[in-house]
PDB file of N, CA and C in Angstrom:
ATOM      1  N   MET A   1     -24.402   4.930 -69.597  1.00  0.00           N
ATOM      2  CA  MET A   1     -23.262   4.154 -69.566  1.00  0.00           C
ATOM      3  C   MET A   1     -22.211   4.910 -70.197  1.00  0.00           C
ATOM      4  N   LYS A   2     -20.919   5.115 -69.457  1.00  0.00           N
ATOM      5  CA  LYS A   2     -19.710   5.437 -69.695  1.00  0.00           C
ATOM      6  C   LYS A   2     -18.930   4.546 -70.443  1.00  0.00           C
ATOM      7  N   LYS A   3     -18.229   4.599 -71.524  1.00  0.00           N
ATOM      8  CA  LYS A   3     -17.628   3.585 -72.413  1.00  0.00           C
ATOM      9  C   LYS A   3     -15.961   3.801 -71.913  1.00  0.00           C
ATOM     10  N   TYR A   4     -15.448   2.824 -71.668  1.00  0.00           N
ATOM     11  CA  TYR A   4     -13.787   2.749 -71.371  1.00  0.00           C
ATOM     12  C   TYR A   4     -13.265   1.920 -72.041  1.00  0.00           C
ATOM     13  N   GLU A   5     -11.703   2.058 -72.394  1.00  0.00           N
ATOM     14  CA  GLU A   5     -10.680   1.305 -72.911  1.00  0.00           C
ATOM     15  C   GLU A   5      -9.685   1.062 -71.996  1.00  0.00           C
ATOM     16  N   MET A   6      -9.227  -0.281 -72.123  1.00  0.00           N
ATOM     17  CA  MET A   6      -8.025  -0.731 -71.087  1.00  0.00           C
ATOM     18  C   MET A   6      -6.905  -1.331 -71.997  1.00  0.00           C
ATOM     19  N   MET A   7      -5.738  -0.494 -72.060  1.00  0.00           N
ATOM     20  CA  MET A   7      -4.749  -1.064 -72.913  1.00  0.00           C
ATOM     21  C   MET A   7      -3.713  -1.678 -71.790  1.00  0.00           C
ATOM     22  N   PHE A   8      -3.421  -3.006 -71.938  1.00  0.00           N
ATOM     23  CA  PHE A   8      -2.536  -3.409 -71.269  1.00  0.00           C
ATOM     24  C   PHE A   8      -1.349  -4.377 -71.782  1.00  0.00           C
ATOM     25  N   ILE A   9      -0.291  -4.496 -71.516  1.00  0.00           N
ATOM     26  CA  ILE A   9       0.892  -5.214 -72.029  1.00  0.00           C
ATOM     27  C   ILE A   9       1.346  -6.091 -71.353  1.00  0.00           C
ATOM     28  N   VAL A  10       1.443  -7.572 -71.500  1.00  0.00           N
ATOM     29  CA  VAL A  10       1.583  -8.707 -70.653  1.00  0.00           C
ATOM     30  C   VAL A  10       3.150  -8.997 -71.176  1.00  0.00           C
ATOM     31  N   ARG A  11       3.943  -9.396 -70.146  1.00  0.00           N
ATOM     32  CA  ARG A  11       5.279 -10.013 -70.290  1.00  0.00           C
ATOM     33  C   ARG A  11       5.678 -11.036 -71.495  1.00  0.00           C
ATOM     34  N   PRO A  12       6.374 -10.815 -72.364  1.00  0.00           N
ATOM     35  CA  PRO A  12       6.574 -11.597 -73.239  1.00  0.00           C
ATOM     36  C   PRO A  12       7.377 -13.135 -73.168  1.00  0.00           C
ATOM     37  N   ASP A  13       8.115 -13.351 -71.796  1.00  0.00           N
ATOM     38  CA  ASP A  13       8.290 -14.408 -71.516  1.00  0.00           C
ATOM     39  C   ASP A  13       7.658 -15.538 -71.082  1.00  0.00           C
ATOM     40  N   LEU A  14       6.272 -15.572 -70.982  1.00  0.00           N
ATOM     41  CA  LEU A  14       5.480 -16.390 -70.623  1.00  0.00           C
ATOM     42  C   LEU A  14       4.882 -17.287 -71.744  1.00  0.00           C
ATOM     43  N   GLU A  15       4.426 -18.487 -71.231  1.00  0.00           N
ATOM     44  CA  GLU A  15       3.907 -19.295 -72.106  1.00  0.00           C
ATOM     45  C   GLU A  15       2.536 -19.027 -72.804  1.00  0.00           C
ATOM     46  N   GLU A  16       2.183 -19.153 -73.963  1.00  0.00           N
ATOM     47  CA  GLU A  16       0.868 -18.598 -74.636  1.00  0.00           C
ATOM     48  C   GLU A  16      -0.116 -18.944 -73.858  1.00  0.00           C
ATOM     49  N   ALA A  17      -0.525 -20.114 -73.299  1.00  0.00           N
ATOM     50  CA  ALA A  17      -1.481 -20.399 -72.470  1.00  0.00           C
ATOM     51  C   ALA A  17      -1.660 -19.433 -71.299  1.00  0.00           C
ATOM     52  N   ASP A  18      -0.501 -19.257 -70.674  1.00  0.00           N
ATOM     53  CA  ASP A  18      -0.319 -18.312 -69.398  1.00  0.00           C
ATOM     54  C   ASP A  18      -0.818 -16.505 -69.811  1.00  0.00           C
ATOM     55  N   ILE A  19      -0.189 -16.190 -70.988  1.00  0.00           N
ATOM     56  CA  ILE A  19      -0.611 -15.004 -71.446  1.00  0.00           C
ATOM     57  C   ILE A  19      -2.301 -14.887 -71.692  1.00  0.00           C
ATOM     58  N   LYS A  20      -2.703 -15.841 -72.383  1.00  0.00           N
ATOM     59  CA  LYS A  20      -4.277 -16.160 -72.391  1.00  0.00           C
ATOM     60  C   LYS A  20      -5.110 -15.836 -70.959  1.00  0.00           C
ATOM     61  N   LYS A  21      -4.355 -16.678 -69.917  1.00  0.00           N
ATOM     62  CA  LYS A  21      -4.888 -16.607 -68.767  1.00  0.00           C
ATOM     63  C   LYS A  21      -4.905 -15.539 -68.002  1.00  0.00           C
ATOM     64  N   VAL A  22      -3.994 -14.391 -68.279  1.00  0.00           N
ATOM     65  CA  VAL A  22      -3.911 -13.118 -67.766  1.00  0.00           C
ATOM     66  C   VAL A  22      -5.055 -12.121 -68.516  1.00  0.00           C
ATOM     67  N   ALA A  23      -4.968 -12.492 -69.749  1.00  0.00           N
ATOM     68  CA  ALA A  23      -6.179 -11.611 -70.381  1.00  0.00           C
ATOM     69  C   ALA A  23      -7.322 -11.895 -70.121  1.00  0.00           C
ATOM     70  N   ASP A  24      -7.885 -13.329 -70.013  1.00  0.00           N
ATOM     71  CA  ASP A  24      -9.017 -13.475 -69.538  1.00  0.00           C
ATOM     72  C   ASP A  24      -9.307 -13.320 -68.353  1.00  0.00           C
ATOM     73  N   SER A  25      -8.246 -13.245 -67.140  1.00  0.00           N
ATOM     74  CA  SER A  25      -8.658 -12.941 -65.685  1.00  0.00           C
ATOM     75  C   SER A  25      -9.093 -11.380 -65.646  1.00  0.00           C
ATOM     76  N   MET A  26      -8.486 -10.756 -66.871  1.00  0.00           N
ATOM     77  CA  MET A  26      -8.721  -9.194 -66.578  1.00  0.00           C
ATOM     78  C   MET A  26     -10.210  -9.070 -66.902  1.00  0.00           C
ATOM     79  N   LYS A  27     -10.568  -9.748 -68.278  1.00  0.00           N
ATOM     80  CA  LYS A  27     -11.761  -9.626 -68.617  1.00  0.00           C
ATOM     81  C   LYS A  27     -12.858 -10.028 -67.577  1.00  0.00           C
ATOM     82  N   GLY A  28     -12.571 -11.053 -66.854  1.00  0.00           N
ATOM     83  CA  GLY A  28     -13.144 -11.613 -65.874  1.00  0.00           C
ATOM     84  C   GLY A  28     -13.422 -10.857 -64.784  1.00  0.00           C
ATOM     85  N   VAL A  29     -12.645 -10.089 -64.618  1.00  0.00           N
ATOM     86  CA  VAL A  29     -12.653  -8.728 -63.485  1.00  0.00           C
ATOM     87  C   VAL A  29     -13.702  -7.706 -64.011  1.00  0.00           C
ATOM     88  N   ALA A  30     -13.854  -7.442 -65.170  1.00  0.00           N
ATOM     89  CA  ALA A  30     -14.715  -6.535 -65.859  1.00  0.00           C
ATOM     90  C   ALA A  30     -16.250  -7.293 -65.616  1.00  0.00           C
ATOM     91  N   THR A  31     -16.256  -8.243 -66.184  1.00  0.00           N
ATOM     92  CA  THR A  31     -17.553  -8.791 -66.282  1.00  0.00           C
ATOM     93  C   THR A  31     -18.156  -9.051 -64.769  1.00  0.00           C
ATOM     94  N   ASP A  32     -17.141  -9.357 -63.672  1.00  0.00           N
ATOM     95  CA  ASP A  32     -17.600  -9.755 -62.444  1.00  0.00           C
ATOM     96  C   ASP A  32     -18.042  -8.269 -61.762  1.00  0.00           C
ATOM     97  N   ASN A  33     -17.596  -7.257 -62.140  1.00  0.00           N
ATOM     98  CA  ASN A  33     -18.067  -5.888 -61.452  1.00  0.00           C
ATOM     99  C   ASN A  33     -19.088  -5.251 -62.422  1.00  0.00           C
ATOM    100  N   LYS A  34     -19.790  -6.310 -63.096  1.00  0.00           N
ATOM    101  CA  LYS A  34     -21.090  -5.696 -64.044  1.00  0.00           C
ATOM    102  C   LYS A  34     -20.845  -4.785 -65.013  1.00  0.00           C
ATOM    103  N   ALA A  35     -19.606  -4.865 -65.635  1.00  0.00           N
ATOM    104  CA  ALA A  35     -19.565  -4.092 -66.876  1.00  0.00           C
ATOM    105  C   ALA A  35     -20.340  -4.705 -67.981  1.00  0.00           C
ATOM    106  N   LYS A  36     -20.592  -3.910 -69.055  1.00  0.00           N
ATOM    107  CA  LYS A  36     -21.307  -4.080 -70.219  1.00  0.00           C
ATOM    108  C   LYS A  36     -20.706  -4.264 -71.507  1.00  0.00           C
ATOM    109  N   SER A  37     -21.141  -5.172 -72.160  1.00  0.00           N
ATOM    110  CA  SER A  37     -20.392  -5.070 -73.734  1.00  0.00           C
ATOM    111  C   SER A  37     -18.841  -5.184 -74.015  1.00  0.00           C
ATOM    112  N   VAL A  38     -18.453  -6.187 -72.809  1.00  0.00           N
ATOM    113  CA  VAL A  38     -16.851  -6.397 -72.536  1.00  0.00           C
ATOM    114  C   VAL A  38     -16.516  -7.194 -73.661  1.00  0.00           C
ATOM    115  N   GLU A  39     -15.467  -6.581 -74.387  1.00  0.00           N
ATOM    116  CA  GLU A  39     -14.762  -7.109 -75.631  1.00  0.00           C
ATOM    117  C   GLU A  39     -13.330  -6.871 -75.420  1.00  0.00           C
ATOM    118  N   LEU A  40     -12.581  -8.209 -75.534  1.00  0.00           N
ATOM    119  CA  LEU A  40     -11.125  -8.347 -75.383  1.00  0.00           C
ATOM    120  C   LEU A  40     -10.491  -8.336 -76.786  1.00  0.00           C
ATOM    121  N   GLN A  41      -9.486  -7.653 -77.164  1.00  0.00           N
ATOM    122  CA  GLN A  41      -8.657  -7.748 -78.368  1.00  0.00           C
ATOM    123  C   GLN A  41      -7.366  -8.109 -78.287  1.00  0.00           C
ATOM    124  N   GLU A  42      -7.007  -9.163 -78.829  1.00  0.00           N
ATOM    125  CA  GLU A  42      -5.546  -9.733 -78.567  1.00  0.00           C
ATOM    126  C   GLU A  42      -4.637  -8.771 -79.990  1.00  0.00           C
ATOM    127  N   LEU A  43      -3.934  -7.888 -79.481  1.00  0.00           N
ATOM    128  CA  LEU A  43      -3.242  -7.073 -80.586  1.00  0.00           C
ATOM    129  C   LEU A  43      -1.858  -7.813 -80.866  1.00  0.00           C
ATOM    130  N   GLY A  44      -1.550  -8.693 -80.369  1.00  0.00           N
ATOM    131  CA  GLY A  44      -0.190  -9.646 -80.580  1.00  0.00           C
ATOM    132  C   GLY A  44       0.930  -8.871 -79.736  1.00  0.00           C
ATOM    133  N   GLN A  45       2.060  -9.417 -80.171  1.00  0.00           N
ATOM    134  CA  GLN A  45       3.362  -9.081 -79.562  1.00  0.00           C
ATOM    135  C   GLN A  45       3.891  -7.841 -80.465  1.00  0.00           C
ATOM    136  N   LYS A  46       4.303  -6.865 -79.775  1.00  0.00           N
ATOM    137  CA  LYS A  46       5.130  -5.719 -80.180  1.00  0.00           C
ATOM    138  C   LYS A  46       6.291  -5.457 -79.680  1.00  0.00           C
ATOM    139  N   GLU A  47       6.853  -4.480 -80.412  1.00  0.00           N
ATOM    140  CA  GLU A  47       8.269  -4.094 -80.027  1.00  0.00           C
ATOM    141  C   GLU A  47       8.005  -2.801 -79.269  1.00  0.00           C
ATOM    142  N   LEU A  48       8.377  -2.714 -77.780  1.00  0.00           N
ATOM    143  CA  LEU A  48       8.038  -1.231 -76.995  1.00  0.00           C
ATOM    144  C   LEU A  48       8.978  -0.167 -77.364  1.00  0.00           C
ATOM    145  N   ALA A  49       8.583   0.933 -77.318  1.00  0.00           N
ATOM    146  CA  ALA A  49       9.261   2.010 -77.570  1.00  0.00           C
ATOM    147  C   ALA A  49      10.366   2.269 -76.767  1.00  0.00           C
ATOM    148  N   TYR A  50      10.361   1.803 -75.523  1.00  0.00           N
ATOM    149  CA  TYR A  50      11.559   1.628 -74.421  1.00  0.00           C
ATOM    150  C   TYR A  50      11.382   0.562 -73.613  1.00  0.00           C
ATOM    151  N   GLU A  51      12.368   0.417 -73.051  1.00  0.00           N
ATOM    152  CA  GLU A  51      12.511  -0.869 -72.048  1.00  0.00           C
ATOM    153  C   GLU A  51      11.782  -0.833 -70.811  1.00  0.00           C
ATOM    154  N   ILE A  52      10.825  -1.695 -70.545  1.00  0.00           N
ATOM    155  CA  ILE A  52       9.975  -1.613 -69.444  1.00  0.00           C
ATOM    156  C   ILE A  52      10.331  -2.801 -68.532  1.00  0.00           C
ATOM    157  N   LYS A  53      10.866  -2.431 -67.398  1.00  0.00           N
ATOM    158  CA  LYS A  53      11.153  -3.840 -66.379  1.00  0.00           C
ATOM    159  C   LYS A  53      11.954  -4.723 -67.202  1.00  0.00           C
ATOM    160  N   LYS A  54      13.063  -4.126 -68.100  1.00  0.00           N
ATOM    161  CA  LYS A  54      13.990  -5.208 -68.774  1.00  0.00           C
ATOM    162  C   LYS A  54      13.478  -5.935 -69.894  1.00  0.00           C
ATOM    163  N   TYR A  55      11.969  -5.429 -70.406  1.00  0.00           N
ATOM    164  CA  TYR A  55      11.772  -6.215 -71.503  1.00  0.00           C
ATOM    165  C   TYR A  55      11.611  -5.355 -72.706  1.00  0.00           C
ATOM    166  N   LYS A  56      11.764  -5.802 -73.935  1.00  0.00           N
ATOM    167  CA  LYS A  56      11.771  -4.867 -75.082  1.00  0.00           C
ATOM    168  C   LYS A  56      10.596  -5.447 -76.146  1.00  0.00           C
ATOM    169  N   ASN A  57       9.913  -6.193 -75.436  1.00  0.00           N
ATOM    170  CA  ASN A  57       8.673  -6.820 -76.249  1.00  0.00           C
ATOM    171  C   ASN A  57       7.496  -6.897 -75.163  1.00  0.00           C
ATOM    172  N   GLY A  58       6.153  -7.047 -75.673  1.00  0.00           N
ATOM    173  CA  GLY A  58       5.200  -7.359 -74.919  1.00  0.00           C
ATOM    174  C   GLY A  58       4.062  -7.699 -75.847  1.00  0.00           C
ATOM    175  N   TYR A  59       3.193  -8.383 -75.127  1.00  0.00           N
ATOM    176  CA  TYR A  59       1.813  -8.775 -75.598  1.00  0.00           C
ATOM    177  C   TYR A  59       0.800  -7.727 -75.430  1.00  0.00           C
ATOM    178  N   TYR A  60       0.218  -7.119 -76.310  1.00  0.00           N
ATOM    179  CA  TYR A  60      -0.461  -6.128 -76.238  1.00  0.00           C
ATOM    180  C   TYR A  60      -2.250  -6.661 -76.189  1.00  0.00           C
ATOM    181  N   PHE A  61      -2.941  -6.008 -75.581  1.00  0.00           N
ATOM    182  CA  PHE A  61      -4.429  -6.570 -75.423  1.00  0.00           C
ATOM    183  C   PHE A  61      -5.175  -5.047 -75.262  1.00  0.00           C
ATOM    184  N   LEU A  62      -6.407  -5.059 -75.866  1.00  0.00           N
ATOM    185  CA  LEU A  62      -7.397  -3.995 -75.591  1.00  0.00           C
ATOM    186  C   LEU A  62      -8.700  -4.548 -75.079  1.00  0.00           C
ATOM    187  N   LEU A  63      -8.874  -4.103 -73.907  1.00  0.00           N
ATOM    188  CA  LEU A  63     -10.367  -4.431 -73.295  1.00  0.00           C
ATOM    189  C   LEU A  63     -11.319  -3.209 -73.394  1.00  0.00           C
ATOM    190  N   VAL A  64     -12.239  -3.310 -73.859  1.00  0.00           N
ATOM    191  CA  VAL A  64     -13.389  -2.243 -74.306  1.00  0.00           C
ATOM    192  C   VAL A  64     -14.752  -2.776 -73.437  1.00  0.00           C
ATOM    193  N   PHE A  65     -15.068  -1.747 -72.531  1.00  0.00           N
ATOM    194  CA  PHE A  65     -16.270  -2.110 -71.670  1.00  0.00           C
ATOM    195  C   PHE A  65     -17.288  -0.915 -71.581  1.00  0.00           C
ATOM    196  N   GLU A  66     -18.214  -1.012 -70.983  1.00  0.00           N
ATOM    197  CA  GLU A  66     -19.126   0.109 -70.429  1.00  0.00           C
ATOM    198  C   GLU A  66     -19.785  -0.208 -68.972  1.00  0.00           C
ATOM    199  N   THR A  67     -19.731   0.590 -68.309  1.00  0.00           N
ATOM    200  CA  THR A  67     -19.926   0.760 -66.888  1.00  0.00           C
ATOM    201  C   THR A  67     -20.399   2.106 -66.302  1.00  0.00           C
ATOM    202  N   ASP A  68     -21.333   1.980 -65.395  1.00  0.00           N
ATOM    203  CA  ASP A  68     -21.232   3.359 -64.727  1.00  0.00           C
ATOM    204  C   ASP A  68     -20.806   3.334 -63.301  1.00  0.00           C
ATOM    205  N   ARG A  69     -20.181   2.069 -63.005  1.00  0.00           N
ATOM    206  CA  ARG A  69     -19.660   1.839 -61.747  1.00  0.00           C
ATOM    207  C   ARG A  69     -17.958   2.169 -61.598  1.00  0.00           C
ATOM    208  N   ASN A  70     -17.789   3.333 -60.874  1.00  0.00           N
ATOM    209  CA  ASN A  70     -16.351   3.676 -60.691  1.00  0.00           C
ATOM    210  C   ASN A  70     -15.590   2.438 -60.019  1.00  0.00           C
ATOM    211  N   GLU A  71     -16.237   1.683 -59.300  1.00  0.00           N
ATOM    212  CA  GLU A  71     -15.664   0.573 -58.603  1.00  0.00           C
ATOM    213  C   GLU A  71     -14.767  -0.591 -59.581  1.00  0.00           C
ATOM    214  N   ALA A  72     -15.867  -0.702 -60.493  1.00  0.00           N
ATOM    215  CA  ALA A  72     -15.148  -1.551 -61.934  1.00  0.00           C
ATOM    216  C   ALA A  72     -13.633  -1.089 -62.379  1.00  0.00           C
ATOM    217  N   VAL A  73     -13.714  -0.045 -62.653  1.00  0.00           N
ATOM    218  CA  VAL A  73     -12.604   0.687 -63.066  1.00  0.00           C
ATOM    219  C   VAL A  73     -11.561   0.648 -62.083  1.00  0.00           C
ATOM    220  N   ASN A  74     -11.762   1.236 -61.024  1.00  0.00           N
ATOM    221  CA  ASN A  74     -10.896   1.061 -59.819  1.00  0.00           C
ATOM    222  C   ASN A  74     -10.395  -0.283 -59.591  1.00  0.00           C
ATOM    223  N   GLU A  75     -11.154  -1.129 -59.639  1.00  0.00           N
ATOM    224  CA  GLU A  75     -10.778  -2.722 -59.594  1.00  0.00           C
ATOM    225  C   GLU A  75      -9.742  -3.077 -60.551  1.00  0.00           C
ATOM    226  N   LEU A  76      -9.951  -2.823 -61.928  1.00  0.00           N
ATOM    227  CA  LEU A  76      -9.140  -3.182 -62.935  1.00  0.00           C
ATOM    228  C   LEU A  76      -7.818  -2.596 -62.742  1.00  0.00           C
ATOM    229  N   ASN A  77      -7.801  -1.167 -62.336  1.00  0.00           N
ATOM    230  CA  ASN A  77      -6.549  -0.477 -62.199  1.00  0.00           C
ATOM    231  C   ASN A  77      -5.686  -1.290 -61.125  1.00  0.00           C
ATOM    232  N   ARG A  78      -6.339  -1.681 -59.724  1.00  0.00           N
ATOM    233  CA  ARG A  78      -5.799  -2.091 -58.901  1.00  0.00           C
ATOM    234  C   ARG A  78      -5.187  -3.405 -59.139  1.00  0.00           C
ATOM    235  N   LEU A  79      -6.013  -4.316 -59.773  1.00  0.00           N
ATOM    236  CA  LEU A  79      -5.497  -5.565 -60.107  1.00  0.00           C
ATOM    237  C   LEU A  79      -4.507  -5.613 -61.045  1.00  0.00           C
ATOM    238  N   ALA A  80      -4.348  -4.740 -61.991  1.00  0.00           N
ATOM    239  CA  ALA A  80      -3.439  -4.607 -62.984  1.00  0.00           C
ATOM    240  C   ALA A  80      -2.109  -4.019 -62.566  1.00  0.00           C
ATOM    241  N   SER A  81      -2.064  -3.384 -61.452  1.00  0.00           N
ATOM    242  CA  SER A  81      -0.869  -2.783 -60.721  1.00  0.00           C
ATOM    243  C   SER A  81      -0.031  -4.055 -60.030  1.00  0.00           C
ATOM    244  N   ILE A  82      -0.909  -4.577 -59.450  1.00  0.00           N
ATOM    245  CA  ILE A  82      -0.429  -5.788 -58.630  1.00  0.00           C
ATOM    246  C   ILE A  82      -0.086  -6.937 -59.344  1.00  0.00           C
ATOM    247  N   ASN A  83      -0.445  -7.166 -60.689  1.00  0.00           N
ATOM    248  CA  ASN A  83      -0.250  -8.306 -61.221  1.00  0.00           C
ATOM    249  C   ASN A  83       1.166  -8.101 -61.942  1.00  0.00           C
ATOM    250  N   GLU A  84       2.032  -9.358 -61.436  1.00  0.00           N
ATOM    251  CA  GLU A  84       3.384  -9.152 -61.710  1.00  0.00           C
ATOM    252  C   GLU A  84       3.312  -9.576 -63.249  1.00  0.00           C
ATOM    253  N   ASN A  85       2.671 -10.030 -63.982  1.00  0.00           N
ATOM    254  CA  ASN A  85       2.602 -10.205 -65.381  1.00  0.00           C
ATOM    255  C   ASN A  85       2.459  -9.312 -66.347  1.00  0.00           C
ATOM    256  N   ILE A  86       1.621  -8.200 -65.624  1.00  0.00           N
ATOM    257  CA  ILE A  86       1.379  -7.078 -66.419  1.00  0.00           C
ATOM    258  C   ILE A  86       2.312  -6.128 -66.328  1.00  0.00           C
ATOM    259  N   ILE A  87       2.905  -5.843 -67.358  1.00  0.00           N
ATOM    260  CA  ILE A  87       4.230  -4.778 -67.303  1.00  0.00           C
ATOM    261  C   ILE A  87       3.744  -3.061 -67.450  1.00  0.00           C
ATOM    262  N   ARG A  88       2.593  -3.011 -67.969  1.00  0.00           N
ATOM    263  CA  ARG A  88       1.956  -1.685 -68.105  1.00  0.00           C
ATOM    264  C   ARG A  88       0.640  -1.863 -68.682  1.00  0.00           C
ATOM    265  N   HIS A  89      -0.289  -0.742 -67.883  1.00  0.00           N
ATOM    266  CA  HIS A  89      -1.507  -0.667 -68.173  1.00  0.00           C
ATOM    267  C   HIS A  89      -2.146   0.564 -68.289  1.00  0.00           C
ATOM    268  N   LEU A  90      -3.178   0.926 -68.971  1.00  0.00           N
ATOM    269  CA  LEU A  90      -3.720   2.430 -69.072  1.00  0.00           C
ATOM    270  C   LEU A  90      -5.587   2.190 -69.231  1.00  0.00           C
ATOM    271  N   VAL A  91      -6.010   2.808 -68.209  1.00  0.00           N
ATOM    272  CA  VAL A  91      -7.609   2.874 -68.608  1.00  0.00           C
ATOM    273  C   VAL A  91      -7.836   4.273 -69.054  1.00  0.00           C
ATOM    274  N   VAL A  92      -8.834   4.622 -69.998  1.00  0.00           N
ATOM    275  CA  VAL A  92      -9.132   5.706 -70.343  1.00  0.00           C
ATOM    276  C   VAL A  92     -10.697   5.773 -70.468  1.00  0.00           C
ATOM    277  N   ARG A  93     -11.230   6.789 -70.523  1.00  0.00           N
ATOM    278  CA  ARG A  93     -12.925   6.881 -70.742  1.00  0.00           C
ATOM    279  C   ARG A  93     -12.941   7.516 -72.203  1.00  0.00           C
ATOM    280  N   VAL A  94     -13.749   6.713 -72.955  1.00  0.00           N
ATOM    281  CA  VAL A  94     -13.958   7.200 -74.441  1.00  0.00           C
ATOM    282  C   VAL A  94     -14.954   8.147 -74.413  1.00  0.00           C
ATOM    283  N   ASP A  95     -15.040   9.358 -75.168  1.00  0.00           N
ATOM    284  CA  ASP A  95     -15.817  10.481 -75.164  1.00  0.00           C
ATOM    285  C   ASP A  95     -16.769  10.051 -76.369  1.00  0.00           C
ATOM    286  N   GLU A  96     -18.106  10.108 -76.402  1.00  0.00           N
ATOM    287  CA  GLU A  96     -18.686   9.590 -77.765  1.00  0.00           C
ATOM    288  C   GLU A  96     -19.283  10.705 -78.484  1.00  0.00           C
TER     289      GLU A  96
END
């Protein structure tokens, strides 16, 4: 199994419950696509290095998972790209 990490930033102007829903939905996508060892870490609100879509802050999340299916990674990328509440995301494969 290949290990991946996905970092994504959620808009800061959402309610706390809505921010949690966005994070949980991304975790759900990973588990629905048969990813193993899915772990979601909330890193909190941080100041961005530069403005993204007129936001100076964002809520950071780290999703760690293992999968052999490229479809899982592709689906996470696709959904993060079209979700208006996620202002930036990145999926990387972790070498062991």
